[in-house]
Amino acid sequence: MAEPLSATTAHQAAGTASVKRARSVDIYAPQWRNFLFVAPYLVFFVTLLVVPLFWGIWLSFHKADTFSSGPFIGLGNYVRLFNDKIFLQSIWNTFYFVLLTVPSLALLGLFLALCLNRRTRSAAVLRGLFFSSSVLSVTIVTLIWRIVYIPDIGLLSMIFGLFGARAPAFLSDPSLAMIGIAIATVWWCIGLPMMLFLSALQQIPQDIYEAAALDNANRWQTLRSITLPSIKRTFVLVVIIQIVFQFQLFGQALLMTRGGPNNLTKPIVFYIYETAFRRWDLGLGAAASEILFVLILVAAMVQFLVSRRKADV
């Protein structure tokens, strides 16, 4: 007959068993209950982004209108688009606008961040002033700049009048209309690049600058050898964000020029709006939106790959 285990022996056996169970548990095993924390976001992401994306692709291959999806026509909508001179003009208008605004926002935002990266009250006030335009709606921004550009009695005309000159007709001159919209957009959007660059500058350790000062490095040498290399990833981020944003030009062109003169300020989003919601040709509008999606994706990826290759070199 076996002798009963003592209390100490039983406790040791239980401890040994618990240690074995603990060792058998893989701490790197996925915890599926954590999925519950991201489930609400995934629901909205799939509902508002993924489903409309594939629905738009499906519509682009059909002759769809407001009331029905219509028959399948394959690449017919895409053929119609590339035979449409107005659509081709809108692609060039969009690229031209991006070329005007993205470098300006990146370089001007970096310049303002370098100038305002100070722990003074005046710098804090100026940062707030430059960022304040970013919280305005596109309607208010376009109203302000229409008042600035209005001929003869606008703010710009008054400034030029002080010098006996005539102000440029930014909203009616075909060669200046897109430049006028770009100026208003840069004024509106400069706050975000500035704040991103300021955040990156404040993450640079001050010890590096102190070491550079001990080596008698001047401001240009410090900027070129320390500051710019330290924020190159932020610079790439700013450029990619602005490419994505500025390819979606719509409100400024709609409210300031109505796409004119002679369709020279009509971007792709404006073309999609007119095609899908004014002419009710949803299939053609969906095809144009897919082309816009591809253009944004390609432009952002090219910028990312070029910047990454330069960083590796």
Protein backbone atom coordinates (compact mmCIF):
# COMPACT_ATOMS: atom_id res chain seq x y z
CA MET A 1 0.00 0.00 0.00
CA ALA A 2 1.44 3.39 -1.08
CA GLU A 3 2.12 5.93 1.55
CA PRO A 4 0.18 9.21 1.23
CA LEU A 5 2.15 12.21 -0.03
CA SER A 6 3.13 14.74 2.57
CA ALA A 7 2.00 18.38 2.18
CA THR A 8 5.52 19.48 1.22
CA THR A 9 5.85 16.80 -1.45
CA ALA A 10 2.43 17.65 -2.90
CA HIS A 11 3.30 21.35 -3.01
CA GLN A 12 6.57 20.61 -4.83
CA ALA A 13 4.78 18.38 -7.31
CA ALA A 14 2.17 21.05 -8.01
CA GLY A 15 4.91 23.67 -8.46
CA THR A 16 6.80 21.43 -10.87
CA ALA A 17 3.64 20.86 -12.91
CA SER A 18 2.88 24.58 -13.10
CA VAL A 19 6.44 25.33 -14.24
CA LYS A 20 6.13 22.70 -16.97
CA ARG A 21 2.84 24.21 -18.12
CA ALA A 22 4.37 27.70 -18.14
CA ARG A 23 7.31 26.46 -20.19
CA SER A 24 4.96 24.82 -22.66
CA VAL A 25 3.23 28.15 -23.37
CA ASP A 26 4.78 30.02 -26.31
CA ILE A 27 5.00 33.67 -25.35
CA TYR A 28 5.25 34.57 -29.04
CA ALA A 29 2.04 32.77 -29.96
CA PRO A 30 -0.60 35.09 -31.44
CA GLN A 31 -3.27 36.23 -29.04
CA TRP A 32 -6.40 36.24 -31.20
CA ARG A 33 -8.35 38.17 -28.64
CA ASN A 34 -6.19 41.18 -29.50
CA PHE A 35 -8.03 41.26 -32.82
CA LEU A 36 -11.01 42.69 -30.96
CA PHE A 37 -9.09 45.94 -30.38
CA VAL A 38 -8.62 46.58 -34.12
CA ALA A 39 -11.93 45.08 -35.27
CA PRO A 40 -13.87 48.41 -35.16
CA TYR A 41 -11.23 50.12 -37.30
CA LEU A 42 -11.15 47.21 -39.76
CA VAL A 43 -14.92 47.32 -40.12
CA PHE A 44 -14.87 50.99 -41.12
CA PHE A 45 -11.75 50.51 -43.27
CA VAL A 46 -13.31 47.67 -45.25
CA THR A 47 -16.71 49.38 -45.49
CA LEU A 48 -15.53 52.84 -46.49
CA LEU A 49 -12.32 52.09 -48.42
CA VAL A 50 -11.91 48.53 -49.60
CA VAL A 51 -15.48 47.90 -50.75
CA PRO A 52 -15.77 51.24 -52.64
CA LEU A 53 -12.39 50.57 -54.28
CA PHE A 54 -13.47 47.25 -55.75
CA TRP A 55 -16.95 48.56 -56.48
CA GLY A 56 -15.39 51.41 -58.48
CA ILE A 57 -13.22 48.96 -60.42
CA TRP A 58 -16.32 46.89 -61.21
CA LEU A 59 -18.26 49.98 -62.34
CA SER A 60 -15.42 51.11 -64.59
CA PHE A 61 -15.97 48.04 -66.78
CA HIS A 62 -19.72 48.69 -67.16
CA LYS A 63 -21.88 51.28 -68.86
CA ALA A 64 -23.39 52.43 -65.60
CA ASP A 65 -25.63 55.33 -64.76
CA THR A 66 -27.49 56.47 -61.65
CA PHE A 67 -30.25 53.87 -61.92
CA SER A 68 -28.49 50.71 -63.12
CA SER A 69 -25.05 49.17 -63.57
CA GLY A 70 -25.68 48.52 -67.25
CA PRO A 71 -23.98 45.99 -69.54
CA PHE A 72 -20.36 44.92 -69.31
CA ILE A 73 -18.25 46.84 -71.88
CA GLY A 74 -14.72 45.84 -70.85
CA LEU A 75 -12.18 48.59 -71.48
CA GLY A 76 -14.68 50.74 -73.34
CA ASN A 77 -14.75 53.46 -70.67
CA TYR A 78 -10.96 53.67 -70.61
CA VAL A 79 -10.85 53.96 -74.43
CA ARG A 80 -13.38 56.80 -74.25
CA LEU A 81 -11.29 58.56 -71.63
CA PHE A 82 -8.07 58.54 -73.61
CA ASN A 83 -9.95 59.79 -76.67
CA ASP A 84 -11.32 62.71 -74.66
CA LYS A 85 -9.14 65.81 -75.03
CA ILE A 86 -10.65 67.39 -71.93
CA PHE A 87 -9.64 64.39 -69.81
CA LEU A 88 -6.10 64.46 -71.19
CA GLN A 89 -6.00 68.19 -70.46
CA SER A 90 -7.17 67.52 -66.89
CA ILE A 91 -4.30 65.04 -66.40
CA TRP A 92 -1.77 67.66 -67.49
CA ASN A 93 -3.47 70.29 -65.31
CA THR A 94 -3.21 68.01 -62.28
CA PHE A 95 0.47 67.23 -62.86
CA TYR A 96 1.21 70.91 -63.42
CA PHE A 97 -0.51 71.82 -60.17
CA VAL A 98 1.41 69.12 -58.27
CA LEU A 99 4.70 70.40 -59.71
CA LEU A 100 3.81 73.91 -58.59
CA THR A 101 2.69 73.07 -55.06
CA VAL A 102 4.59 70.03 -53.74
CA PRO A 103 8.16 71.43 -54.03
CA SER A 104 6.95 74.79 -52.75
CA LEU A 105 5.25 73.26 -49.72
CA ALA A 106 8.23 71.04 -48.89
CA LEU A 107 10.90 73.73 -49.25
CA LEU A 108 8.89 76.58 -47.74
CA GLY A 109 7.75 74.35 -44.86
CA LEU A 110 11.37 73.40 -44.16
CA PHE A 111 12.46 77.05 -44.31
CA LEU A 112 9.74 78.13 -41.87
CA ALA A 113 10.56 75.26 -39.52
CA LEU A 114 14.24 76.20 -39.47
CA CYS A 115 13.39 79.84 -38.80
CA LEU A 116 10.81 79.12 -36.09
CA ASN A 117 12.63 76.33 -34.26
CA ARG A 118 13.21 78.62 -31.30
CA ARG A 119 12.05 78.58 -27.68
CA THR A 120 10.78 82.14 -27.74
CA ARG A 121 7.33 83.63 -27.41
CA SER A 122 7.48 85.34 -30.80
CA ALA A 123 8.39 82.06 -32.52
CA ALA A 124 5.46 80.33 -30.81
CA VAL A 125 3.08 83.07 -31.97
CA LEU A 126 4.36 82.87 -35.54
CA ARG A 127 4.03 79.08 -35.55
CA GLY A 128 0.41 79.47 -34.51
CA LEU A 129 -0.23 82.08 -37.21
CA PHE A 130 1.27 79.98 -39.99
CA PHE A 131 -0.59 76.87 -38.85
CA SER A 132 -3.92 78.67 -38.40
CA SER A 133 -4.61 78.72 -42.15
CA SER A 134 -4.60 74.91 -42.22
CA VAL A 135 -7.75 74.69 -40.08
CA LEU A 136 -9.81 76.78 -42.52
CA SER A 137 -12.23 75.17 -44.93
CA VAL A 138 -11.66 75.31 -48.66
CA THR A 139 -14.67 77.61 -49.01
CA ILE A 140 -13.18 80.22 -46.69
CA VAL A 141 -9.76 79.94 -48.33
CA THR A 142 -11.13 80.46 -51.83
CA LEU A 143 -13.28 83.37 -50.64
CA ILE A 144 -10.23 85.06 -49.12
CA TRP A 145 -8.13 84.63 -52.25
CA ARG A 146 -10.91 85.71 -54.59
CA ILE A 147 -10.99 88.96 -52.62
CA VAL A 148 -7.21 89.19 -53.00
CA TYR A 149 -7.30 88.52 -56.75
CA ILE A 150 -10.42 90.49 -57.69
CA PRO A 151 -9.52 93.00 -60.46
CA ASP A 152 -9.20 96.73 -59.76
CA ILE A 153 -10.48 96.68 -56.17
CA GLY A 154 -8.81 93.58 -54.74
CA LEU A 155 -5.96 93.57 -52.24
CA LEU A 156 -3.41 92.65 -54.90
CA SER A 157 -4.61 95.45 -57.18
CA MET A 158 -4.32 97.93 -54.31
CA ILE A 159 -0.72 96.86 -53.58
CA PHE A 160 0.29 97.09 -57.24
CA GLY A 161 -1.52 100.41 -57.49
CA LEU A 162 0.78 101.91 -54.87
CA PHE A 163 3.63 101.44 -57.35
CA GLY A 164 1.63 102.62 -60.36
CA ALA A 165 1.38 99.11 -61.82
CA ARG A 166 -1.49 96.86 -62.80
CA ALA A 167 -1.95 93.59 -60.90
CA PRO A 168 -1.80 90.31 -62.84
CA ALA A 169 -5.18 88.77 -63.63
CA PHE A 170 -4.53 85.50 -61.84
CA LEU A 171 -8.02 84.06 -62.25
CA SER A 172 -8.69 85.04 -65.87
CA ASP A 173 -5.27 84.90 -67.55
CA PRO A 174 -4.81 81.39 -69.05
CA SER A 175 -1.09 81.39 -68.22
CA LEU A 176 -1.59 82.51 -64.60
CA ALA A 177 -4.84 80.86 -63.47
CA MET A 178 -3.25 77.64 -62.21
CA ILE A 179 -0.43 79.61 -60.58
CA GLY A 180 -3.02 81.66 -58.72
CA ILE A 181 -4.72 78.51 -57.42
CA ALA A 182 -1.31 77.10 -56.44
CA ILE A 183 -0.44 80.23 -54.43
CA ALA A 184 -3.71 79.99 -52.50
CA THR A 185 -3.14 76.27 -51.90
CA VAL A 186 0.40 76.77 -50.59
CA TRP A 187 -0.87 79.45 -48.19
CA TRP A 188 -3.62 77.08 -47.06
CA CYS A 189 -1.55 73.89 -46.64
CA ILE A 190 1.80 75.19 -45.37
CA GLY A 191 0.97 74.48 -41.72
CA LEU A 192 1.24 70.68 -41.84
CA PRO A 193 4.70 70.49 -43.52
CA MET A 194 6.00 73.15 -41.15
CA MET A 195 4.82 71.26 -38.07
CA LEU A 196 6.19 67.93 -39.33
CA PHE A 197 9.59 69.50 -39.93
CA LEU A 198 9.49 71.22 -36.54
CA SER A 199 8.77 67.90 -34.86
CA ALA A 200 11.69 66.27 -36.68
CA LEU A 201 14.07 69.13 -35.83
CA GLN A 202 13.21 68.92 -32.15
CA GLN A 203 14.09 65.21 -32.14
CA ILE A 204 17.72 65.88 -33.11
CA PRO A 205 19.97 65.55 -30.02
CA GLN A 206 21.51 68.84 -28.95
CA ASP A 207 24.77 67.07 -28.13
CA ILE A 208 25.50 66.80 -31.84
CA TYR A 209 25.17 70.55 -32.30
CA GLU A 210 27.37 71.19 -29.28
CA ALA A 211 30.03 68.89 -30.71
CA ALA A 212 29.82 70.72 -34.04
CA ALA A 213 30.20 74.06 -32.26
CA LEU A 214 33.34 72.78 -30.53
CA ASP A 215 34.71 71.89 -33.98
CA ASN A 216 34.03 75.49 -35.13
CA ALA A 217 31.43 74.40 -37.70
CA ASN A 218 29.47 77.30 -39.18
CA ARG A 219 25.69 77.34 -39.72
CA TRP A 220 25.86 76.13 -43.32
CA GLN A 221 28.10 73.20 -42.39
CA THR A 222 25.82 72.29 -39.50
CA LEU A 223 22.76 72.47 -41.71
CA ARG A 224 24.31 70.39 -44.49
CA SER A 225 26.04 67.77 -42.34
CA ILE A 226 23.71 67.41 -39.33
CA THR A 227 20.26 68.92 -39.78
CA LEU A 228 19.32 67.85 -43.31
CA PRO A 229 20.59 64.23 -42.99
CA SER A 230 18.71 63.89 -39.71
CA ILE A 231 15.35 64.90 -41.20
CA LYS A 232 15.61 63.26 -44.63
CA ARG A 233 12.96 60.67 -43.74
CA THR A 234 10.59 63.44 -42.68
CA PHE A 235 11.27 65.25 -45.95
CA VAL A 236 10.30 62.11 -47.90
CA LEU A 237 7.17 61.76 -45.75
CA VAL A 238 6.16 65.37 -46.38
CA VAL A 239 6.64 65.03 -50.14
CA ILE A 240 4.62 61.80 -50.33
CA ILE A 241 1.80 63.24 -48.20
CA GLN A 242 1.63 66.37 -50.33
CA ILE A 243 1.68 64.38 -53.58
CA VAL A 244 -1.34 62.40 -52.38
CA PHE A 245 -3.13 65.55 -51.18
CA GLN A 246 -2.44 67.79 -54.17
CA PHE A 247 -3.40 65.18 -56.76
CA GLN A 248 -6.88 65.50 -55.27
CA LEU A 249 -7.27 69.16 -56.21
CA PHE A 250 -10.96 70.00 -56.50
CA GLY A 251 -12.45 72.66 -54.24
CA GLN A 252 -10.07 75.47 -55.16
CA ALA A 253 -10.54 74.95 -58.90
CA LEU A 254 -14.31 74.64 -58.55
CA LEU A 255 -14.82 77.74 -56.42
CA MET A 256 -12.13 80.02 -57.87
CA THR A 257 -12.20 79.41 -61.64
CA ARG A 258 -14.88 76.77 -62.37
CA GLY A 259 -12.17 74.92 -64.28
CA GLY A 260 -11.57 77.82 -66.66
CA PRO A 261 -10.44 79.61 -68.59
CA ASN A 262 -10.84 77.09 -71.42
CA ASN A 263 -10.50 74.06 -69.06
CA LEU A 264 -6.93 75.06 -68.15
CA THR A 265 -7.58 74.70 -64.41
CA LYS A 266 -9.82 71.64 -64.53
CA PRO A 267 -8.12 68.80 -62.56
CA ILE A 268 -8.97 65.10 -62.73
CA VAL A 269 -11.22 65.18 -59.66
CA PHE A 270 -13.22 68.03 -61.22
CA TYR A 271 -13.57 65.95 -64.39
CA ILE A 272 -14.76 62.96 -62.33
CA TYR A 273 -17.29 65.17 -60.54
CA GLU A 274 -18.72 66.56 -63.77
CA THR A 275 -18.79 63.18 -65.49
CA ALA A 276 -20.31 61.13 -62.69
CA PHE A 277 -22.57 63.63 -60.91
CA ARG A 278 -23.57 66.08 -63.62
CA ARG A 279 -23.67 63.92 -66.74
CA TRP A 280 -24.56 60.81 -64.67
CA ASP A 281 -22.05 58.64 -66.53
CA LEU A 282 -20.91 56.65 -63.51
CA GLY A 283 -18.96 54.09 -65.52
CA LEU A 284 -16.81 56.75 -67.17
CA GLY A 285 -16.37 58.58 -63.87
CA ALA A 286 -15.33 55.35 -62.13
CA ALA A 287 -12.76 54.67 -64.85
CA ALA A 288 -11.34 58.18 -64.43
CA SER A 289 -11.14 57.69 -60.65
CA GLU A 290 -9.21 54.44 -61.09
CA ILE A 291 -6.73 56.22 -63.36
CA LEU A 292 -6.33 58.90 -60.70
CA PHE A 293 -5.71 56.20 -58.08
CA VAL A 294 -2.99 54.63 -60.25
CA LEU A 295 -1.35 58.01 -60.90
CA ILE A 296 -1.22 58.84 -57.18
CA LEU A 297 0.15 55.39 -56.35
CA VAL A 298 2.84 55.52 -59.05
CA ALA A 299 3.90 59.08 -58.19
CA ALA A 300 4.19 58.29 -54.48
CA MET A 301 6.07 55.05 -55.07
CA VAL A 302 8.52 56.67 -57.51
CA GLN A 303 9.26 59.42 -55.02
CA PHE A 304 9.72 56.87 -52.23
CA LEU A 305 12.02 54.61 -54.27
CA VAL A 306 14.14 57.49 -55.57
CA SER A 307 14.56 58.92 -52.08
CA ARG A 308 15.36 55.49 -50.65
CA ARG A 309 18.00 54.86 -53.34
CA LYS A 310 19.64 58.22 -52.65
CA ALA A 311 19.68 57.42 -48.92
CA ASP A 312 21.32 54.05 -49.57
CA VAL A 313 24.00 55.66 -51.73
